[in-house]
Amino acid sequence: MMKFLLHHAEAVDPDLINSILEWIDHVFGIQSKSFGSIVFALIIFIPVLIFVGSRFFNKP
């Protein structure tokens, strides 16, 4: 039982990450690197859009 609770040496479970990457490839039809780039761009773009929108529409 204690062996189950201990953390393994890898940062992520290799089988789990392979399953997730295959699922992303299957669902979206693009490679996981392309999907990661799109998500990264959205993470950067949304706060910038909120900041610019608040400056544009909240002029005193």
PDB file of N, CA and C in Angstrom:
ATOM      1  N   MET A   1       0.822  -1.197   0.000  1.00  0.00           N
ATOM      2  CA  MET A   1       0.000   0.000   0.000  1.00  0.00           C
ATOM      3  C   MET A   1       0.864   1.259   0.000  1.00  0.00           C
ATOM      4  N   MET A   2       1.930   1.260   0.757  1.00  0.00           N
ATOM      5  CA  MET A   2       2.779   2.431   0.842  1.00  0.00           C
ATOM      6  C   MET A   2       3.482   2.707  -0.490  1.00  0.00           C
ATOM      7  N   LYS A   3       3.814   1.669  -1.223  1.00  0.00           N
ATOM      8  CA  LYS A   3       4.471   1.847  -2.518  1.00  0.00           C
ATOM      9  C   LYS A   3       3.563   2.618  -3.479  1.00  0.00           C
ATOM     10  N   PHE A   4       2.257   2.426  -3.390  1.00  0.00           N
ATOM     11  CA  PHE A   4       1.304   3.122  -4.241  1.00  0.00           C
ATOM     12  C   PHE A   4       1.277   4.616  -3.934  1.00  0.00           C
ATOM     13  N   LEU A   5       1.454   4.996  -2.683  1.00  0.00           N
ATOM     14  CA  LEU A   5       1.374   6.389  -2.279  1.00  0.00           C
ATOM     15  C   LEU A   5       2.645   7.175  -2.585  1.00  0.00           C
ATOM     16  N   LEU A   6       3.764   6.494  -2.771  1.00  0.00           N
ATOM     17  CA  LEU A   6       5.019   7.186  -3.032  1.00  0.00           C
ATOM     18  C   LEU A   6       5.051   7.738  -4.449  1.00  0.00           C
ATOM     19  N   HIS A   7       5.713   8.862  -4.609  1.00  0.00           N
ATOM     20  CA  HIS A   7       5.818   9.519  -5.914  1.00  0.00           C
ATOM     21  C   HIS A   7       6.919   8.856  -6.739  1.00  0.00           C
ATOM     22  N   HIS A   8       6.702   8.736  -8.043  1.00  0.00           N
ATOM     23  CA  HIS A   8       7.714   8.136  -8.906  1.00  0.00           C
ATOM     24  C   HIS A   8       8.692   9.198  -9.389  1.00  0.00           C
ATOM     25  N   ALA A   9       9.749   8.799 -10.061  1.00  0.00           N
ATOM     26  CA  ALA A   9      10.835   9.696 -10.442  1.00  0.00           C
ATOM     27  C   ALA A   9      10.479  10.594 -11.634  1.00  0.00           C
ATOM     28  N   GLU A  10       9.579  10.160 -12.511  1.00  0.00           N
ATOM     29  CA  GLU A  10       9.242  10.956 -13.686  1.00  0.00           C
ATOM     30  C   GLU A  10       8.376  12.148 -13.294  1.00  0.00           C
ATOM     31  N   ALA A  11       8.467  13.207 -14.100  1.00  0.00           N
ATOM     32  CA  ALA A  11       7.647  14.396 -13.850  1.00  0.00           C
ATOM     33  C   ALA A  11       6.170  14.103 -14.114  1.00  0.00           C
ATOM     34  N   VAL A  12       5.897  13.309 -15.136  1.00  0.00           N
ATOM     35  CA  VAL A  12       4.526  12.884 -15.447  1.00  0.00           C
ATOM     36  C   VAL A  12       4.551  11.394 -15.760  1.00  0.00           C
ATOM     37  N   ASP A  13       3.395  10.793 -15.676  1.00  0.00           N
ATOM     38  CA  ASP A  13       3.279   9.380 -16.023  1.00  0.00           C
ATOM     39  C   ASP A  13       3.388   9.254 -17.545  1.00  0.00           C
ATOM     40  N   PRO A  14       4.370   8.520 -18.058  1.00  0.00           N
ATOM     41  CA  PRO A  14       4.563   8.440 -19.514  1.00  0.00           C
ATOM     42  C   PRO A  14       3.353   7.870 -20.250  1.00  0.00           C
ATOM     43  N   ASP A  15       2.690   6.886 -19.671  1.00  0.00           N
ATOM     44  CA  ASP A  15       1.513   6.317 -20.335  1.00  0.00           C
ATOM     45  C   ASP A  15       0.378   7.331 -20.396  1.00  0.00           C
ATOM     46  N   LEU A  16       0.193   8.081 -19.319  1.00  0.00           N
ATOM     47  CA  LEU A  16      -0.873   9.077 -19.280  1.00  0.00           C
ATOM     48  C   LEU A  16      -0.622  10.198 -20.279  1.00  0.00           C
ATOM     49  N   ILE A  17       0.595  10.716 -20.338  1.00  0.00           N
ATOM     50  CA  ILE A  17       0.886  11.806 -21.263  1.00  0.00           C
ATOM     51  C   ILE A  17       0.771  11.345 -22.709  1.00  0.00           C
ATOM     52  N   ASN A  18       1.168  10.114 -23.007  1.00  0.00           N
ATOM     53  CA  ASN A  18       0.999   9.597 -24.366  1.00  0.00           C
ATOM     54  C   ASN A  18      -0.471   9.475 -24.726  1.00  0.00           C
ATOM     55  N   SER A  19      -1.287   9.043 -23.788  1.00  0.00           N
ATOM     56  CA  SER A  19      -2.726   8.940 -24.038  1.00  0.00           C
ATOM     57  C   SER A  19      -3.342  10.312 -24.279  1.00  0.00           C
ATOM     58  N   ILE A  20      -2.935  11.303 -23.494  1.00  0.00           N
ATOM     59  CA  ILE A  20      -3.459  12.656 -23.663  1.00  0.00           C
ATOM     60  C   ILE A  20      -3.043  13.232 -25.010  1.00  0.00           C
ATOM     61  N   LEU A  21      -1.784  13.047 -25.390  1.00  0.00           N
ATOM     62  CA  LEU A  21      -1.316  13.566 -26.674  1.00  0.00           C
ATOM     63  C   LEU A  21      -2.012  12.887 -27.851  1.00  0.00           C
ATOM     64  N   GLU A  22      -2.239  11.593 -27.744  1.00  0.00           N
ATOM     65  CA  GLU A  22      -2.974  10.889 -28.799  1.00  0.00           C
ATOM     66  C   GLU A  22      -4.418  11.372 -28.871  1.00  0.00           C
ATOM     67  N   TRP A  23      -5.041  11.649 -27.717  1.00  0.00           N
ATOM     68  CA  TRP A  23      -6.423  12.144 -27.694  1.00  0.00           C
ATOM     69  C   TRP A  23      -6.505  13.518 -28.352  1.00  0.00           C
ATOM     70  N   ILE A  24      -5.549  14.408 -28.054  1.00  0.00           N
ATOM     71  CA  ILE A  24      -5.530  15.739 -28.670  1.00  0.00           C
ATOM     72  C   ILE A  24      -5.378  15.613 -30.169  1.00  0.00           C
ATOM     73  N   ASP A  25      -4.492  14.739 -30.616  1.00  0.00           N
ATOM     74  CA  ASP A  25      -4.283  14.540 -32.048  1.00  0.00           C
ATOM     75  C   ASP A  25      -5.542  13.988 -32.705  1.00  0.00           C
ATOM     76  N   HIS A  26      -6.223  13.086 -32.042  1.00  0.00           N
ATOM     77  CA  HIS A  26      -7.433  12.474 -32.601  1.00  0.00           C
ATOM     78  C   HIS A  26      -8.602  13.467 -32.639  1.00  0.00           C
ATOM     79  N   VAL A  27      -8.811  14.202 -31.562  1.00  0.00           N
ATOM     80  CA  VAL A  27      -9.965  15.098 -31.466  1.00  0.00           C
ATOM     81  C   VAL A  27      -9.803  16.330 -32.355  1.00  0.00           C
ATOM     82  N   PHE A  28      -8.646  16.971 -32.306  1.00  0.00           N
ATOM     83  CA  PHE A  28      -8.466  18.220 -33.028  1.00  0.00           C
ATOM     84  C   PHE A  28      -7.840  18.031 -34.407  1.00  0.00           C
ATOM     85  N   GLY A  29      -7.287  16.887 -34.680  1.00  0.00           N
ATOM     86  CA  GLY A  29      -6.711  16.615 -35.989  1.00  0.00           C
ATOM     87  C   GLY A  29      -5.420  17.369 -36.262  1.00  0.00           C
ATOM     88  N   ILE A  30      -4.797  17.909 -35.215  1.00  0.00           N
ATOM     89  CA  ILE A  30      -3.520  18.602 -35.367  1.00  0.00           C
ATOM     90  C   ILE A  30      -2.535  18.015 -34.370  1.00  0.00           C
ATOM     91  N   GLN A  31      -1.271  18.271 -34.613  1.00  0.00           N
ATOM     92  CA  GLN A  31      -0.248  17.763 -33.715  1.00  0.00           C
ATOM     93  C   GLN A  31      -0.312  18.505 -32.383  1.00  0.00           C
ATOM     94  N   SER A  32       0.144  17.873 -31.343  1.00  0.00           N
ATOM     95  CA  SER A  32       0.067  18.461 -30.010  1.00  0.00           C
ATOM     96  C   SER A  32       0.907  19.735 -29.893  1.00  0.00           C
ATOM     97  N   LYS A  33       2.003  19.833 -30.653  1.00  0.00           N
ATOM     98  CA  LYS A  33       2.813  21.053 -30.610  1.00  0.00           C
ATOM     99  C   LYS A  33       2.049  22.227 -31.205  1.00  0.00           C
ATOM    100  N   SER A  34       1.312  21.984 -32.271  1.00  0.00           N
ATOM    101  CA  SER A  34       0.502  23.040 -32.869  1.00  0.00           C
ATOM    102  C   SER A  34      -0.613  23.449 -31.921  1.00  0.00           C
ATOM    103  N   PHE A  35      -1.241  22.480 -31.278  1.00  0.00           N
ATOM    104  CA  PHE A  35      -2.301  22.761 -30.317  1.00  0.00           C
ATOM    105  C   PHE A  35      -1.741  23.546 -29.131  1.00  0.00           C
ATOM    106  N   GLY A  36      -0.560  23.180 -28.675  1.00  0.00           N
ATOM    107  CA  GLY A  36       0.084  23.903 -27.583  1.00  0.00           C
ATOM    108  C   GLY A  36       0.402  25.335 -27.958  1.00  0.00           C
ATOM    109  N   SER A  37       0.809  25.553 -29.187  1.00  0.00           N
ATOM    110  CA  SER A  37       1.089  26.907 -29.655  1.00  0.00           C
ATOM    111  C   SER A  37      -0.178  27.750 -29.696  1.00  0.00           C
ATOM    112  N   ILE A  38      -1.269  27.159 -30.124  1.00  0.00           N
ATOM    113  CA  ILE A  38      -2.547  27.871 -30.163  1.00  0.00           C
ATOM    114  C   ILE A  38      -3.007  28.236 -28.753  1.00  0.00           C
ATOM    115  N   VAL A  39      -2.904  27.304 -27.830  1.00  0.00           N
ATOM    116  CA  VAL A  39      -3.293  27.570 -26.438  1.00  0.00           C
ATOM    117  C   VAL A  39      -2.398  28.650 -25.840  1.00  0.00           C
ATOM    118  N   PHE A  40      -1.107  28.592 -26.096  1.00  0.00           N
ATOM    119  CA  PHE A  40      -0.180  29.606 -25.599  1.00  0.00           C
ATOM    120  C   PHE A  40      -0.545  30.986 -26.148  1.00  0.00           C
ATOM    121  N   ALA A  41      -0.855  31.063 -27.443  1.00  0.00           N
ATOM    122  CA  ALA A  41      -1.236  32.337 -28.047  1.00  0.00           C
ATOM    123  C   ALA A  41      -2.514  32.881 -27.408  1.00  0.00           C
ATOM    124  N   LEU A  42      -3.482  32.019 -27.122  1.00  0.00           N
ATOM    125  CA  LEU A  42      -4.712  32.462 -26.476  1.00  0.00           C
ATOM    126  C   LEU A  42      -4.454  32.956 -25.056  1.00  0.00           C
ATOM    127  N   ILE A  43      -3.562  32.285 -24.341  1.00  0.00           N
ATOM    128  CA  ILE A  43      -3.237  32.708 -22.978  1.00  0.00           C
ATOM    129  C   ILE A  43      -2.616  34.103 -22.985  1.00  0.00           C
ATOM    130  N   ILE A  44      -1.831  34.406 -23.989  1.00  0.00           N
ATOM    131  CA  ILE A  44      -1.218  35.727 -24.101  1.00  0.00           C
ATOM    132  C   ILE A  44      -2.223  36.744 -24.651  1.00  0.00           C
ATOM    133  N   PHE A  45      -3.029  36.365 -25.629  1.00  0.00           N
ATOM    134  CA  PHE A  45      -3.905  37.291 -26.335  1.00  0.00           C
ATOM    135  C   PHE A  45      -5.078  37.770 -25.485  1.00  0.00           C
ATOM    136  N   ILE A  46      -5.679  36.901 -24.690  1.00  0.00           N
ATOM    137  CA  ILE A  46      -6.883  37.263 -23.944  1.00  0.00           C
ATOM    138  C   ILE A  46      -6.603  38.360 -22.911  1.00  0.00           C
ATOM    139  N   PRO A  47      -5.566  38.258 -22.070  1.00  0.00           N
ATOM    140  CA  PRO A  47      -5.316  39.372 -21.136  1.00  0.00           C
ATOM    141  C   PRO A  47      -4.973  40.685 -21.842  1.00  0.00           C
ATOM    142  N   VAL A  48      -4.243  40.604 -22.941  1.00  0.00           N
ATOM    143  CA  VAL A  48      -3.919  41.819 -23.700  1.00  0.00           C
ATOM    144  C   VAL A  48      -5.193  42.435 -24.252  1.00  0.00           C
ATOM    145  N   LEU A  49      -6.086  41.627 -24.759  1.00  0.00           N
ATOM    146  CA  LEU A  49      -7.362  42.113 -25.278  1.00  0.00           C
ATOM    147  C   LEU A  49      -8.195  42.761 -24.171  1.00  0.00           C
ATOM    148  N   ILE A  50      -8.221  42.165 -22.995  1.00  0.00           N
ATOM    149  CA  ILE A  50      -8.959  42.750 -21.870  1.00  0.00           C
ATOM    150  C   ILE A  50      -8.345  44.088 -21.464  1.00  0.00           C
ATOM    151  N   PHE A  51      -7.033  44.160 -21.401  1.00  0.00           N
ATOM    152  CA  PHE A  51      -6.356  45.403 -21.034  1.00  0.00           C
ATOM    153  C   PHE A  51      -6.637  46.506 -22.050  1.00  0.00           C
ATOM    154  N   VAL A  52      -6.492  46.206 -23.323  1.00  0.00           N
ATOM    155  CA  VAL A  52      -6.731  47.209 -24.364  1.00  0.00           C
ATOM    156  C   VAL A  52      -8.200  47.621 -24.364  1.00  0.00           C
ATOM    157  N   GLY A  53      -9.101  46.667 -24.202  1.00  0.00           N
ATOM    158  CA  GLY A  53     -10.526  46.990 -24.167  1.00  0.00           C
ATOM    159  C   GLY A  53     -10.888  47.867 -22.984  1.00  0.00           C
ATOM    160  N   SER A  54     -10.295  47.595 -21.839  1.00  0.00           N
ATOM    161  CA  SER A  54     -10.608  48.432 -20.665  1.00  0.00           C
ATOM    162  C   SER A  54     -10.058  49.848 -20.830  1.00  0.00           C
ATOM    163  N   ARG A  55      -8.913  49.975 -21.445  1.00  0.00           N
ATOM    164  CA  ARG A  55      -8.355  51.327 -21.696  1.00  0.00           C
ATOM    165  C   ARG A  55      -9.163  52.069 -22.763  1.00  0.00           C
ATOM    166  N   PHE A  56      -9.666  51.363 -23.735  1.00  0.00           N
ATOM    167  CA  PHE A  56     -10.398  51.988 -24.838  1.00  0.00           C
ATOM    168  C   PHE A  56     -11.798  52.418 -24.414  1.00  0.00           C
ATOM    169  N   PHE A  57     -12.497  51.586 -23.652  1.00  0.00           N
ATOM    170  CA  PHE A  57     -13.886  51.856 -23.322  1.00  0.00           C
ATOM    171  C   PHE A  57     -14.078  52.593 -22.004  1.00  0.00           C
ATOM    172  N   ASN A  58     -13.068  52.721 -21.166  1.00  0.00           N
ATOM    173  CA  ASN A  58     -13.207  53.392 -19.884  1.00  0.00           C
ATOM    174  C   ASN A  58     -12.526  54.745 -19.872  1.00  0.00           C
ATOM    175  N   LYS A  59     -12.695  55.519 -20.939  1.00  0.00           N
ATOM    176  CA  LYS A  59     -12.109  56.856 -20.975  1.00  0.00           C
ATOM    177  C   LYS A  59     -12.999  57.799 -20.170  1.00  0.00           C
ATOM    178  N   PRO A  60     -12.393  58.575 -19.253  1.00  0.00           N
ATOM    179  CA  PRO A  60     -13.210  59.508 -18.448  1.00  0.00           C
ATOM    180  C   PRO A  60     -13.626  60.744 -19.216  1.00  0.00           C
TER     181      PRO A  60
END
